[in-house]
Amino acid sequence: MPLSSDDPIVEYLTNNHFEGANAPEKWEVARRSQAVFLYREVKTCWQAVTKFYVTKTGDSAEKYARQEQALIEQARQVSPA
């Protein structure tokens, strides 16, 4: 789906991953699961995967955090540098 340049995630990505003349012009987003989204800058095909979390509390929070860290590490191993 097309995204507006004033989308908060687009603003964050633009401000933190692009400089001056390389400023992105057009963004798209695709939902990959309930919590995971793929953001893509159309001109350069630069992509970022995002995952949104709900605050976890109680006894299971630490276990959940370890599982999430392991999954992130798996994703890093298979993604291109």
PDB file of N, CA and C in Angstrom:
ATOM      1  N   MET A   1       0.841  -1.175   0.000  1.00  0.00           N
ATOM      2  CA  MET A   1       0.000   0.000   0.000  1.00  0.00           C
ATOM      3  C   MET A   1       0.890   1.244   0.000  1.00  0.00           C
ATOM      4  N   PRO A   2       0.516   2.265  -0.704  1.00  0.00           N
ATOM      5  CA  PRO A   2       1.278   3.515  -0.692  1.00  0.00           C
ATOM      6  C   PRO A   2       1.198   4.183   0.682  1.00  0.00           C
ATOM      7  N   LEU A   3       2.251   4.915   1.036  1.00  0.00           N
ATOM      8  CA  LEU A   3       2.301   5.618   2.322  1.00  0.00           C
ATOM      9  C   LEU A   3       2.550   7.098   2.116  1.00  0.00           C
ATOM     10  N   SER A   4       2.010   7.882   3.007  1.00  0.00           N
ATOM     11  CA  SER A   4       2.246   9.324   3.008  1.00  0.00           C
ATOM     12  C   SER A   4       3.613   9.601   3.623  1.00  0.00           C
ATOM     13  N   SER A   5       4.274  10.652   3.159  1.00  0.00           N
ATOM     14  CA  SER A   5       5.582  11.013   3.709  1.00  0.00           C
ATOM     15  C   SER A   5       5.498  11.481   5.155  1.00  0.00           C
ATOM     16  N   ASP A   6       4.280  11.794   5.639  1.00  0.00           N
ATOM     17  CA  ASP A   6       4.154  12.210   7.040  1.00  0.00           C
ATOM     18  C   ASP A   6       3.795  11.048   7.974  1.00  0.00           C
ATOM     19  N   ASP A   7       3.828   9.809   7.464  1.00  0.00           N
ATOM     20  CA  ASP A   7       3.649   8.636   8.311  1.00  0.00           C
ATOM     21  C   ASP A   7       4.806   8.615   9.323  1.00  0.00           C
ATOM     22  N   PRO A   8       4.546   8.375  10.606  1.00  0.00           N
ATOM     23  CA  PRO A   8       5.610   8.431  11.617  1.00  0.00           C
ATOM     24  C   PRO A   8       6.769   7.466  11.359  1.00  0.00           C
ATOM     25  N   ILE A   9       6.509   6.288  10.850  1.00  0.00           N
ATOM     26  CA  ILE A   9       7.585   5.343  10.566  1.00  0.00           C
ATOM     27  C   ILE A   9       8.407   5.826   9.376  1.00  0.00           C
ATOM     28  N   VAL A  10       7.738   6.336   8.352  1.00  0.00           N
ATOM     29  CA  VAL A  10       8.440   6.889   7.194  1.00  0.00           C
ATOM     30  C   VAL A  10       9.319   8.062   7.627  1.00  0.00           C
ATOM     31  N   GLU A  11       8.800   8.923   8.464  1.00  0.00           N
ATOM     32  CA  GLU A  11       9.602  10.056   8.964  1.00  0.00           C
ATOM     33  C   GLU A  11      10.837   9.557   9.701  1.00  0.00           C
ATOM     34  N   TYR A  12      10.659   8.553  10.551  1.00  0.00           N
ATOM     35  CA  TYR A  12      11.795   7.996  11.297  1.00  0.00           C
ATOM     36  C   TYR A  12      12.832   7.409  10.338  1.00  0.00           C
ATOM     37  N   LEU A  13      12.392   6.575   9.392  1.00  0.00           N
ATOM     38  CA  LEU A  13      13.320   5.954   8.453  1.00  0.00           C
ATOM     39  C   LEU A  13      14.047   6.995   7.623  1.00  0.00           C
ATOM     40  N   THR A  14      13.321   7.985   7.133  1.00  0.00           N
ATOM     41  CA  THR A  14      13.915   9.042   6.322  1.00  0.00           C
ATOM     42  C   THR A  14      14.949   9.824   7.121  1.00  0.00           C
ATOM     43  N   ASN A  15      14.591  10.216   8.338  1.00  0.00           N
ATOM     44  CA  ASN A  15      15.488  11.033   9.160  1.00  0.00           C
ATOM     45  C   ASN A  15      16.710  10.276   9.656  1.00  0.00           C
ATOM     46  N   ASN A  16      16.618   8.963   9.785  1.00  0.00           N
ATOM     47  CA  ASN A  16      17.711   8.199  10.368  1.00  0.00           C
ATOM     48  C   ASN A  16      18.504   7.343   9.383  1.00  0.00           C
ATOM     49  N   HIS A  17      18.035   7.224   8.141  1.00  0.00           N
ATOM     50  CA  HIS A  17      18.726   6.347   7.201  1.00  0.00           C
ATOM     51  C   HIS A  17      19.019   6.981   5.842  1.00  0.00           C
ATOM     52  N   PHE A  18      18.653   8.232   5.646  1.00  0.00           N
ATOM     53  CA  PHE A  18      18.905   8.903   4.379  1.00  0.00           C
ATOM     54  C   PHE A  18      19.470  10.285   4.645  1.00  0.00           C
ATOM     55  N   GLU A  19      20.271  10.770   3.693  1.00  0.00           N
ATOM     56  CA  GLU A  19      20.854  12.105   3.821  1.00  0.00           C
ATOM     57  C   GLU A  19      20.588  12.938   2.576  1.00  0.00           C
ATOM     58  N   GLY A  20      20.328  14.207   2.773  1.00  0.00           N
ATOM     59  CA  GLY A  20      20.209  15.217   1.728  1.00  0.00           C
ATOM     60  C   GLY A  20      19.641  14.784   0.405  1.00  0.00           C
ATOM     61  N   ALA A  21      20.495  14.709  -0.619  1.00  0.00           N
ATOM     62  CA  ALA A  21      20.063  14.420  -1.986  1.00  0.00           C
ATOM     63  C   ALA A  21      19.483  13.012  -2.130  1.00  0.00           C
ATOM     64  N   ASN A  22      19.778  12.147  -1.186  1.00  0.00           N
ATOM     65  CA  ASN A  22      19.265  10.783  -1.249  1.00  0.00           C
ATOM     66  C   ASN A  22      17.905  10.630  -0.577  1.00  0.00           C
ATOM     67  N   ALA A  23      17.274  11.749  -0.282  1.00  0.00           N
ATOM     68  CA  ALA A  23      15.981  11.698   0.408  1.00  0.00           C
ATOM     69  C   ALA A  23      14.968  10.891  -0.398  1.00  0.00           C
ATOM     70  N   PRO A  24      14.263   9.988   0.265  1.00  0.00           N
ATOM     71  CA  PRO A  24      13.272   9.167  -0.430  1.00  0.00           C
ATOM     72  C   PRO A  24      12.113   9.992  -0.961  1.00  0.00           C
ATOM     73  N   GLU A  25      11.523   9.505  -2.026  1.00  0.00           N
ATOM     74  CA  GLU A  25      10.413  10.215  -2.651  1.00  0.00           C
ATOM     75  C   GLU A  25       9.068   9.540  -2.401  1.00  0.00           C
ATOM     76  N   LYS A  26       9.057   8.217  -2.383  1.00  0.00           N
ATOM     77  CA  LYS A  26       7.788   7.510  -2.308  1.00  0.00           C
ATOM     78  C   LYS A  26       7.973   6.202  -1.545  1.00  0.00           C
ATOM     79  N   TRP A  27       7.042   5.932  -0.631  1.00  0.00           N
ATOM     80  CA  TRP A  27       7.114   4.735   0.204  1.00  0.00           C
ATOM     81  C   TRP A  27       5.886   3.856   0.015  1.00  0.00           C
ATOM     82  N   GLU A  28       6.110   2.553   0.233  1.00  0.00           N
ATOM     83  CA  GLU A  28       5.029   1.575   0.261  1.00  0.00           C
ATOM     84  C   GLU A  28       5.205   0.716   1.511  1.00  0.00           C
ATOM     85  N   VAL A  29       4.111   0.121   1.961  1.00  0.00           N
ATOM     86  CA  VAL A  29       4.169  -0.788   3.103  1.00  0.00           C
ATOM     87  C   VAL A  29       3.353  -2.030   2.780  1.00  0.00           C
ATOM     88  N   ALA A  30       3.848  -3.167   3.275  1.00  0.00           N
ATOM     89  CA  ALA A  30       3.127  -4.433   3.123  1.00  0.00           C
ATOM     90  C   ALA A  30       3.087  -5.107   4.484  1.00  0.00           C
ATOM     91  N   ARG A  31       1.927  -5.586   4.847  1.00  0.00           N
ATOM     92  CA  ARG A  31       1.775  -6.297   6.109  1.00  0.00           C
ATOM     93  C   ARG A  31       2.183  -7.752   5.898  1.00  0.00           C
ATOM     94  N   ARG A  32       3.140  -8.230   6.717  1.00  0.00           N
ATOM     95  CA  ARG A  32       3.635  -9.592   6.586  1.00  0.00           C
ATOM     96  C   ARG A  32       3.011 -10.524   7.617  1.00  0.00           C
ATOM     97  N   SER A  33       2.556  -9.982   8.737  1.00  0.00           N
ATOM     98  CA  SER A  33       1.857 -10.745   9.770  1.00  0.00           C
ATOM     99  C   SER A  33       1.107  -9.731  10.620  1.00  0.00           C
ATOM    100  N   GLN A  34       0.545 -10.190  11.711  1.00  0.00           N
ATOM    101  CA  GLN A  34      -0.219  -9.276  12.569  1.00  0.00           C
ATOM    102  C   GLN A  34       0.653  -8.141  13.097  1.00  0.00           C
ATOM    103  N   ALA A  35       1.941  -8.412  13.347  1.00  0.00           N
ATOM    104  CA  ALA A  35       2.810  -7.403  13.956  1.00  0.00           C
ATOM    105  C   ALA A  35       3.972  -6.968  13.072  1.00  0.00           C
ATOM    106  N   VAL A  36       4.190  -7.614  11.927  1.00  0.00           N
ATOM    107  CA  VAL A  36       5.371  -7.354  11.097  1.00  0.00           C
ATOM    108  C   VAL A  36       4.962  -6.687   9.785  1.00  0.00           C
ATOM    109  N   PHE A  37       5.720  -5.624   9.449  1.00  0.00           N
ATOM    110  CA  PHE A  37       5.462  -4.857   8.236  1.00  0.00           C
ATOM    111  C   PHE A  37       6.758  -4.654   7.469  1.00  0.00           C
ATOM    112  N   LEU A  38       6.662  -4.615   6.149  1.00  0.00           N
ATOM    113  CA  LEU A  38       7.799  -4.327   5.292  1.00  0.00           C
ATOM    114  C   LEU A  38       7.586  -2.945   4.690  1.00  0.00           C
ATOM    115  N   TYR A  39       8.509  -2.034   4.973  1.00  0.00           N
ATOM    116  CA  TYR A  39       8.479  -0.693   4.403  1.00  0.00           C
ATOM    117  C   TYR A  39       9.487  -0.661   3.262  1.00  0.00           C
ATOM    118  N   ARG A  40       9.093  -0.096   2.112  1.00  0.00           N
ATOM    119  CA  ARG A  40       9.967  -0.054   0.944  1.00  0.00           C
ATOM    120  C   ARG A  40       9.914   1.321   0.312  1.00  0.00           C
ATOM    121  N   GLU A  41      11.099   1.881   0.059  1.00  0.00           N
ATOM    122  CA  GLU A  41      11.195   3.130  -0.675  1.00  0.00           C
ATOM    123  C   GLU A  41      11.197   2.758  -2.157  1.00  0.00           C
ATOM    124  N   VAL A  42      10.269   3.287  -2.912  1.00  0.00           N
ATOM    125  CA  VAL A  42      10.015   2.848  -4.281  1.00  0.00           C
ATOM    126  C   VAL A  42      11.187   3.111  -5.224  1.00  0.00           C
ATOM    127  N   LYS A  43      11.771   4.295  -5.177  1.00  0.00           N
ATOM    128  CA  LYS A  43      12.826   4.664  -6.131  1.00  0.00           C
ATOM    129  C   LYS A  43      14.085   3.814  -5.956  1.00  0.00           C
ATOM    130  N   THR A  44      14.522   3.624  -4.719  1.00  0.00           N
ATOM    131  CA  THR A  44      15.777   2.909  -4.466  1.00  0.00           C
ATOM    132  C   THR A  44      15.569   1.433  -4.115  1.00  0.00           C
ATOM    133  N   CYS A  45      14.339   1.058  -3.830  1.00  0.00           N
ATOM    134  CA  CYS A  45      13.991  -0.301  -3.355  1.00  0.00           C
ATOM    135  C   CYS A  45      14.609  -0.603  -1.989  1.00  0.00           C
ATOM    136  N   TRP A  46      15.041   0.418  -1.265  1.00  0.00           N
ATOM    137  CA  TRP A  46      15.546   0.243   0.099  1.00  0.00           C
ATOM    138  C   TRP A  46      14.397  -0.265   0.948  1.00  0.00           C
ATOM    139  N   GLN A  47      14.666  -1.255   1.798  1.00  0.00           N
ATOM    140  CA  GLN A  47      13.605  -1.877   2.582  1.00  0.00           C
ATOM    141  C   GLN A  47      13.980  -1.978   4.053  1.00  0.00           C
ATOM    142  N   ALA A  48      12.963  -1.978   4.882  1.00  0.00           N
ATOM    143  CA  ALA A  48      13.145  -2.199   6.317  1.00  0.00           C
ATOM    144  C   ALA A  48      11.969  -3.027   6.821  1.00  0.00           C
ATOM    145  N   VAL A  49      12.279  -3.998   7.649  1.00  0.00           N
ATOM    146  CA  VAL A  49      11.244  -4.803   8.278  1.00  0.00           C
ATOM    147  C   VAL A  49      11.030  -4.241   9.675  1.00  0.00           C
ATOM    148  N   THR A  50       9.774  -4.032  10.031  1.00  0.00           N
ATOM    149  CA  THR A  50       9.456  -3.521  11.363  1.00  0.00           C
ATOM    150  C   THR A  50       8.545  -4.499  12.081  1.00  0.00           C
ATOM    151  N   LYS A  51       8.680  -4.514  13.390  1.00  0.00           N
ATOM    152  CA  LYS A  51       7.804  -5.352  14.204  1.00  0.00           C
ATOM    153  C   LYS A  51       7.329  -4.507  15.365  1.00  0.00           C
ATOM    154  N   PHE A  52       6.045  -4.529  15.591  1.00  0.00           N
ATOM    155  CA  PHE A  52       5.452  -3.748  16.654  1.00  0.00           C
ATOM    156  C   PHE A  52       5.114  -4.657  17.834  1.00  0.00           C
ATOM    157  N   TYR A  53       5.389  -4.187  19.016  1.00  0.00           N
ATOM    158  CA  TYR A  53       5.224  -4.978  20.228  1.00  0.00           C
ATOM    159  C   TYR A  53       4.191  -4.371  21.158  1.00  0.00           C
ATOM    160  N   VAL A  54       3.616  -5.229  21.968  1.00  0.00           N
ATOM    161  CA  VAL A  54       2.784  -4.816  23.085  1.00  0.00           C
ATOM    162  C   VAL A  54       3.625  -5.060  24.332  1.00  0.00           C
ATOM    163  N   THR A  55       3.582  -4.165  25.295  1.00  0.00           N
ATOM    164  CA  THR A  55       4.351  -4.327  26.515  1.00  0.00           C
ATOM    165  C   THR A  55       3.992  -5.628  27.215  1.00  0.00           C
ATOM    166  N   LYS A  56       5.031  -6.375  27.550  1.00  0.00           N
ATOM    167  CA  LYS A  56       4.845  -7.632  28.268  1.00  0.00           C
ATOM    168  C   LYS A  56       5.237  -7.426  29.729  1.00  0.00           C
ATOM    169  N   THR A  57       4.482  -8.046  30.636  1.00  0.00           N
ATOM    170  CA  THR A  57       4.789  -7.944  32.062  1.00  0.00           C
ATOM    171  C   THR A  57       4.633  -9.316  32.698  1.00  0.00           C
ATOM    172  N   GLY A  58       5.078  -9.428  33.926  1.00  0.00           N
ATOM    173  CA  GLY A  58       4.896 -10.676  34.661  1.00  0.00           C
ATOM    174  C   GLY A  58       5.997 -11.673  34.393  1.00  0.00           C
ATOM    175  N   ASP A  59       5.760 -12.907  34.830  1.00  0.00           N
ATOM    176  CA  ASP A  59       6.761 -13.965  34.767  1.00  0.00           C
ATOM    177  C   ASP A  59       7.174 -14.334  33.346  1.00  0.00           C
ATOM    178  N   SER A  60       6.285 -14.205  32.396  1.00  0.00           N
ATOM    179  CA  SER A  60       6.608 -14.635  31.030  1.00  0.00           C
ATOM    180  C   SER A  60       7.354 -13.577  30.221  1.00  0.00           C
ATOM    181  N   ALA A  61       7.485 -12.355  30.726  1.00  0.00           N
ATOM    182  CA  ALA A  61       8.105 -11.272  29.958  1.00  0.00           C
ATOM    183  C   ALA A  61       9.558 -11.583  29.597  1.00  0.00           C
ATOM    184  N   GLU A  62      10.343 -12.106  30.529  1.00  0.00           N
ATOM    185  CA  GLU A  62      11.747 -12.397  30.246  1.00  0.00           C
ATOM    186  C   GLU A  62      11.875 -13.534  29.236  1.00  0.00           C
ATOM    187  N   LYS A  63      11.067 -14.559  29.373  1.00  0.00           N
ATOM    188  CA  LYS A  63      11.078 -15.679  28.427  1.00  0.00           C
ATOM    189  C   LYS A  63      10.709 -15.184  27.030  1.00  0.00           C
ATOM    190  N   TYR A  64       9.695 -14.354  26.935  1.00  0.00           N
ATOM    191  CA  TYR A  64       9.266 -13.794  25.658  1.00  0.00           C
ATOM    192  C   TYR A  64      10.395 -12.976  25.030  1.00  0.00           C
ATOM    193  N   ALA A  65      11.067 -12.174  25.842  1.00  0.00           N
ATOM    194  CA  ALA A  65      12.167 -11.342  25.332  1.00  0.00           C
ATOM    195  C   ALA A  65      13.290 -12.207  24.770  1.00  0.00           C
ATOM    196  N   ARG A  66      13.625 -13.291  25.438  1.00  0.00           N
ATOM    197  CA  ARG A  66      14.672 -14.191  24.935  1.00  0.00           C
ATOM    198  C   ARG A  66      14.244 -14.825  23.605  1.00  0.00           C
ATOM    199  N   GLN A  67      12.990 -15.227  23.503  1.00  0.00           N
ATOM    200  CA  GLN A  67      12.493 -15.814  22.250  1.00  0.00           C
ATOM    201  C   GLN A  67      12.555 -14.806  21.107  1.00  0.00           C
ATOM    202  N   GLU A  68      12.152 -13.591  21.388  1.00  0.00           N
ATOM    203  CA  GLU A  68      12.173 -12.546  20.358  1.00  0.00           C
ATOM    204  C   GLU A  68      13.598 -12.265  19.906  1.00  0.00           C
ATOM    205  N   GLN A  69      14.540 -12.197  20.840  1.00  0.00           N
ATOM    206  CA  GLN A  69      15.936 -11.952  20.493  1.00  0.00           C
ATOM    207  C   GLN A  69      16.466 -13.080  19.602  1.00  0.00           C
ATOM    208  N   ALA A  70      16.127 -14.316  19.927  1.00  0.00           N
ATOM    209  CA  ALA A  70      16.566 -15.455  19.111  1.00  0.00           C
ATOM    210  C   ALA A  70      15.994 -15.360  17.695  1.00  0.00           C
ATOM    211  N   LEU A  71      14.732 -14.967  17.562  1.00  0.00           N
ATOM    212  CA  LEU A  71      14.116 -14.828  16.241  1.00  0.00           C
ATOM    213  C   LEU A  71      14.746 -13.690  15.440  1.00  0.00           C
ATOM    214  N   ILE A  72      15.074 -12.601  16.111  1.00  0.00           N
ATOM    215  CA  ILE A  72      15.734 -11.487  15.436  1.00  0.00           C
ATOM    216  C   ILE A  72      17.094 -11.931  14.915  1.00  0.00           C
ATOM    217  N   GLU A  73      17.834 -12.667  15.719  1.00  0.00           N
ATOM    218  CA  GLU A  73      19.132 -13.169  15.286  1.00  0.00           C
ATOM    219  C   GLU A  73      18.999 -14.105  14.092  1.00  0.00           C
ATOM    220  N   GLN A  74      17.965 -14.935  14.075  1.00  0.00           N
ATOM    221  CA  GLN A  74      17.726 -15.810  12.916  1.00  0.00           C
ATOM    222  C   GLN A  74      17.470 -14.976  11.661  1.00  0.00           C
ATOM    223  N   ALA A  75      16.663 -13.949  11.784  1.00  0.00           N
ATOM    224  CA  ALA A  75      16.349 -13.087  10.638  1.00  0.00           C
ATOM    225  C   ALA A  75      17.606 -12.392  10.131  1.00  0.00           C
ATOM    226  N   ARG A  76      18.462 -11.945  11.035  1.00  0.00           N
ATOM    227  CA  ARG A  76      19.706 -11.280  10.623  1.00  0.00           C
ATOM    228  C   ARG A  76      20.606 -12.231   9.844  1.00  0.00           C
ATOM    229  N   GLN A  77      20.616 -13.494  10.206  1.00  0.00           N
ATOM    230  CA  GLN A  77      21.480 -14.464   9.543  1.00  0.00           C
ATOM    231  C   GLN A  77      21.048 -14.724   8.103  1.00  0.00           C
ATOM    232  N   VAL A  78      19.775 -14.597   7.804  1.00  0.00           N
ATOM    233  CA  VAL A  78      19.310 -14.882   6.453  1.00  0.00           C
ATOM    234  C   VAL A  78      19.127 -13.645   5.584  1.00  0.00           C
ATOM    235  N   SER A  79      19.202 -12.431   6.175  1.00  0.00           N
ATOM    236  CA  SER A  79      19.009 -11.236   5.362  1.00  0.00           C
ATOM    237  C   SER A  79      20.326 -10.765   4.760  1.00  0.00           C
ATOM    238  N   PRO A  80      20.257 -10.214   3.552  1.00  0.00           N
ATOM    239  CA  PRO A  80      21.458  -9.695   2.894  1.00  0.00           C
ATOM    240  C   PRO A  80      22.014  -8.517   3.660  1.00  0.00           C
ATOM    241  N   ALA A  81      23.311  -8.354   3.633  1.00  0.00           N
ATOM    242  CA  ALA A  81      23.988  -7.261   4.348  1.00  0.00           C
ATOM    243  C   ALA A  81      23.788  -5.948   3.651  1.00  0.00           C
TER     244      ALA A  81
END
